[in-house]
Every structure is written in structure tokens, then in C-alpha cells.
Protein backbone atom coordinates (compact mmCIF):
# COMPACT_ATOMS: atom_id res chain seq x y z
CA MET A 1 10.19 21.62 -32.46
CA LYS A 2 12.31 23.74 -30.40
CA THR A 3 15.91 24.92 -31.91
CA ILE A 4 18.72 25.24 -29.46
CA LEU A 5 22.16 26.53 -30.44
CA CYS A 6 24.77 25.68 -28.21
CA TYR A 7 27.80 28.24 -28.55
CA GLY A 8 30.91 27.59 -26.91
CA ASP A 9 34.75 26.27 -26.74
CA SER A 10 36.71 23.45 -26.18
CA ASN A 11 34.22 22.11 -23.51
CA THR A 12 31.48 22.65 -25.89
CA TRP A 13 33.59 20.92 -28.86
CA GLY A 14 34.20 17.86 -26.38
CA TYR A 15 37.93 18.29 -25.98
CA ILE A 16 39.19 14.96 -23.85
CA PRO A 17 41.85 16.34 -20.99
CA GLY A 18 45.26 15.57 -21.94
CA THR A 19 44.82 14.11 -25.40
CA GLY A 20 43.38 16.61 -27.60
CA ALA A 21 41.07 14.11 -28.87
CA ARG A 22 37.25 14.72 -28.90
CA TYR A 23 34.40 12.80 -26.95
CA PRO A 24 31.85 11.16 -29.14
CA ARG A 25 28.65 13.00 -29.62
CA ASP A 26 26.63 10.84 -26.90
CA VAL A 27 29.08 12.00 -24.29
CA ARG A 28 29.70 15.69 -25.29
CA TRP A 29 26.94 17.67 -23.12
CA PRO A 30 25.09 19.18 -25.98
CA GLY A 31 24.65 15.43 -27.40
CA VAL A 32 23.29 14.52 -23.82
CA LEU A 33 21.11 17.42 -23.87
CA GLN A 34 19.68 16.37 -27.13
CA ALA A 35 19.31 12.69 -26.01
CA THR A 36 17.69 13.79 -22.81
CA LEU A 37 15.34 16.33 -24.49
CA GLY A 38 14.09 14.20 -27.16
CA SER A 39 12.67 14.74 -30.64
CA ASP A 40 10.73 17.90 -29.73
CA TYR A 41 14.23 19.73 -29.70
CA HIS A 42 16.91 20.18 -32.13
CA VAL A 43 20.25 20.81 -30.53
CA ILE A 44 22.92 22.15 -32.64
CA GLU A 45 26.51 21.82 -31.33
CA GLU A 46 28.95 25.13 -32.10
CA GLY A 47 31.96 24.42 -30.04
CA LEU A 48 35.35 25.62 -30.96
CA ASN A 49 38.69 24.98 -29.42
CA ALA A 50 40.44 28.16 -28.02
CA ARG A 51 37.32 30.44 -28.64
CA THR A 52 37.35 33.69 -26.74
CA THR A 53 34.54 36.09 -26.36
CA VAL A 54 35.14 39.16 -28.62
CA MET A 55 39.10 39.09 -29.51
CA ASP A 56 41.33 37.72 -31.89
CA ASP A 57 43.74 35.24 -30.60
CA PRO A 58 47.39 35.92 -31.94
CA ILE A 59 48.79 32.86 -31.01
CA ARG A 60 45.90 30.24 -31.52
CA GLY A 61 44.21 31.13 -34.77
CA GLY A 62 43.81 34.87 -35.03
CA ALA A 63 40.21 36.01 -35.85
CA ILE A 64 38.99 32.29 -36.20
CA LYS A 65 38.99 32.09 -32.51
CA ASN A 66 36.99 35.47 -32.00
CA GLY A 67 33.57 34.28 -30.76
CA LEU A 68 32.28 37.71 -31.79
CA ALA A 69 33.25 37.89 -35.21
CA TYR A 70 31.83 34.19 -35.96
CA LEU A 71 28.40 34.65 -33.92
CA ARG A 72 26.58 36.80 -36.18
CA PRO A 73 26.79 34.43 -39.24
CA CYS A 74 26.42 31.53 -37.20
CA LEU A 75 22.99 32.75 -35.85
CA GLU A 76 21.91 33.53 -39.41
CA SER A 77 23.03 30.08 -40.55
CA HIS A 78 20.91 28.26 -38.15
CA ALA A 79 17.84 30.65 -38.15
CA PRO A 80 15.20 30.84 -36.59
CA LEU A 81 16.56 29.66 -33.49
CA ASP A 82 14.27 29.43 -30.05
CA LEU A 83 17.03 29.54 -27.51
CA VAL A 84 20.91 30.16 -27.29
CA ILE A 85 22.99 28.51 -24.62
CA LEU A 86 25.97 30.75 -24.40
CA ALA A 87 29.12 28.91 -22.79
CA LEU A 88 32.16 31.02 -23.45
CA GLY A 89 34.73 32.94 -21.26
CA VAL A 90 37.35 30.24 -20.09
CA ASN A 91 39.82 31.14 -22.91
CA ASP A 92 39.55 34.87 -21.94
CA LEU A 93 41.23 33.81 -18.48
CA LYS A 94 44.55 33.08 -20.42
CA HIS A 95 47.27 35.30 -19.05
CA ARG A 96 48.06 36.91 -22.22
CA PHE A 97 45.06 38.66 -22.43
CA GLY A 98 45.19 40.21 -19.11
CA PHE A 99 41.26 40.24 -18.46
CA SER A 100 39.69 40.72 -14.89
CA ALA A 101 36.65 38.57 -14.27
CA TYR A 102 34.61 41.61 -14.48
CA ASP A 103 36.14 42.29 -18.31
CA ILE A 104 35.34 38.78 -18.96
CA ALA A 105 31.88 38.91 -17.96
CA ALA A 106 31.25 42.27 -19.92
CA ASN A 107 32.68 40.68 -22.96
CA VAL A 108 30.12 37.96 -22.74
CA ALA A 109 27.52 40.70 -22.28
CA ALA A 110 28.43 41.84 -25.67
CA LEU A 111 27.62 38.73 -27.09
CA ILE A 112 24.28 38.56 -25.42
CA GLY A 113 23.51 41.96 -26.96
CA VAL A 114 24.27 40.34 -30.46
CA ILE A 115 21.88 37.30 -29.86
CA GLN A 116 19.05 38.93 -28.52
CA PRO A 117 15.93 39.27 -29.05
CA THR A 118 16.56 35.38 -29.07
CA PRO A 119 16.41 34.10 -25.63
CA VAL A 120 19.72 33.25 -24.06
CA LEU A 121 20.76 30.66 -21.27
CA LEU A 122 24.10 32.10 -20.11
CA LEU A 123 26.48 29.39 -18.51
CA SER A 124 29.21 30.46 -16.29
CA PRO A 125 32.36 28.03 -16.50
CA PRO A 126 33.55 25.83 -13.82
CA HIS A 127 36.17 26.79 -11.37
CA ALA A 128 39.66 26.46 -13.12
CA GLY A 129 42.24 24.22 -11.43
CA PRO A 130 44.11 22.52 -10.10
CA LEU A 131 46.41 23.93 -12.97
CA THR A 132 48.89 21.46 -14.28
CA ALA A 133 49.64 21.07 -17.94
CA LEU A 134 48.02 24.37 -18.68
CA ALA A 135 49.54 26.44 -15.56
CA ASP A 136 51.75 28.78 -17.45
CA LEU A 137 49.10 29.53 -19.94
CA PHE A 138 46.54 30.32 -17.44
CA GLU A 139 48.46 31.73 -14.70
CA GLY A 140 46.24 33.66 -12.52
CA ALA A 141 43.06 32.02 -13.72
CA VAL A 142 42.13 29.85 -10.46
CA GLU A 143 41.11 32.89 -8.36
CA LYS A 144 39.54 34.85 -11.26
CA SER A 145 37.54 31.76 -12.40
CA LYS A 146 35.84 31.96 -8.96
CA GLN A 147 34.55 35.34 -9.22
CA LEU A 148 32.82 34.86 -12.83
CA ALA A 149 29.59 33.72 -11.83
CA THR A 150 28.87 36.83 -9.77
CA HIS A 151 29.53 39.01 -12.61
CA TYR A 152 27.89 36.69 -15.08
CA GLN A 153 24.71 36.55 -13.21
CA ALA A 154 24.76 40.55 -12.70
CA PHE A 155 25.01 40.71 -16.48
CA ALA A 156 22.46 38.02 -17.35
CA LYS A 157 19.89 39.72 -14.67
CA GLN A 158 20.54 43.24 -16.49
CA ALA A 159 19.94 41.69 -19.85
CA GLY A 160 16.89 39.67 -18.55
CA CYS A 161 18.38 36.29 -19.71
CA HIS A 162 18.27 33.12 -18.11
CA PHE A 163 21.54 31.91 -16.20
CA PHE A 164 23.07 29.01 -14.75
CA ASP A 165 26.33 28.51 -12.78
CA VAL A 166 27.92 25.42 -14.22
CA ALA A 167 30.55 25.24 -11.28
CA THR A 168 27.70 24.20 -8.96
CA ILE A 169 27.91 20.74 -10.51
CA VAL A 170 31.02 20.42 -12.84
CA THR A 171 34.44 20.38 -11.78
CA ALA A 172 37.55 20.44 -14.24
CA SER A 173 39.64 17.51 -14.68
CA PRO A 174 42.97 17.43 -12.59
CA ILE A 175 44.77 16.60 -15.73
CA ASP A 176 44.67 20.24 -16.82
CA GLY A 177 42.43 22.02 -14.52
CA ILE A 178 40.33 23.57 -17.54
CA HIS A 179 38.60 20.76 -19.62
CA TRP A 180 36.16 18.06 -18.24
CA ALA A 181 35.93 14.38 -17.62
CA ALA A 182 33.25 12.57 -19.68
CA GLU A 183 31.03 12.09 -16.69
CA GLN A 184 30.79 16.05 -16.11
CA HIS A 185 29.48 16.47 -19.43
CA VAL A 186 26.93 14.11 -18.63
CA LEU A 187 26.07 15.96 -15.31
CA LEU A 188 25.84 19.11 -17.27
CA GLY A 189 23.57 17.72 -20.25
CA ASN A 190 21.47 16.16 -17.97
CA ARG A 191 20.86 19.31 -15.72
CA LEU A 192 20.38 21.55 -18.83
CA ALA A 193 17.61 19.31 -20.07
CA GLU A 194 15.78 20.07 -16.77
CA LEU A 195 16.20 23.58 -17.08
CA VAL A 196 15.73 24.12 -21.01
CA PRO A 197 12.05 23.47 -20.85
CA PHE A 198 11.17 26.18 -18.27
CA THR A 199 13.10 28.66 -20.69
CA PHE A 200 10.09 28.53 -22.71
CA SER A 201 7.62 29.47 -19.78
CA ALA A 202 6.88 31.87 -17.26
CA ARG A 203 7.78 29.28 -14.46
CA MET A 204 11.74 29.90 -14.64
CA ALA A 205 12.83 33.54 -13.14
CA PRO A 206 15.18 35.24 -15.82
CA CYS A 207 18.36 34.32 -13.78
CA GLU A 208 18.88 31.24 -11.65
CA ARG A 209 21.73 29.85 -9.91
């Protein structure tokens, strides 16, 4: 059995746009991934609302939201792992942090360095927008989000890890421009179920988009 850790934010947790409620496990993309891959795989969900890459959030929970701070104990508690699917960076787009798209990708690369030598499948997020309910919080995020995939892929190639651009199949909900409708979770879960087996073979290049 292969053990896969899905490490992400509210879109890994399953946040329902406009409500704050959570999708059922069989709708959330890690649950779809588990159901599609079957009993030869064990998929672990590790999503947290407002999780950042490498910094505390002074407004939303402080150190609790720091993805770097929690990553190492998380890896050790679930060890041994065969693959980590890393899906972070959206919350780094918040206006108060002031990061460029390159900065966010560099933050993600720091997480990859902690995870390796365990194999990593790095996901760059869908494009933000249209920003509605979260427009002030994510001011300037739409254009930066469109630049993330290029930088993520470059860092993934440098680190020798696998890569997938989620924006090629998933769009954010028009309700808030950040979170996903249920059918988008299903799309991603099914697509990852096609990609994951190749991460354990030589048939998949280190980076694919």
C-alpha cells in the first residue's frame, strides 16, 4: 500500500464557498482521489483553513496557520510516506503579506526542501477571481495568481519534483473567487488519480503541466 499525504489549505480542507461549511469527504478532492485510486493507496487529508506557506498570520490564528511550522511534525506523525501532494500558496496572495508571485513560489520551495527526500507532487493553484466577497482581503491577487504556475514549475524542476498546474482544469467559484464548487473538487481528484501512479514510475517526467 502506498501512503500519500495531501498537505494544503482550505481547498484541501473542503471549504464550501460562501458558507464556511465543509464538503463531505467523498466530495473533497483527497477523498475523490482515495476512492478513485482504491485500496492499494492510503490518502491522508491535511488541509487547514487560512494555512500559509512559511509565515504566521497575525490576524488569522498566528503560528497555527504557518505551514512550515507544522510540516515537519506532520511528516513525522504520518511516516513513512511514499508521496506528498503539496497544495499551498493561495493564502500568501493576501494583500497584507505583500508577496510577489516569485516570492510565493520560493516559499513553497522551502517546504519542498523539508519534505524531500520523500517524493513531492507540487500543485500550483487555480487563478483567483472574480474576487467578490474576498476582494479587499485578496486585493491584487488575480494577476499574481496567473503568474504562479510558471514560478512553481521552475522551482519544481530545480528540486526534481513532480508538478501539476491545477488552473488547467479547475476554476474558482464566482461566489468568492478563491474557493471551489463541488464539481471542481471531483475534477481535480480524478485527474490526480491519473497522475499519481506515474509518480512511482519512470514514465512521468519530473515536471508536467
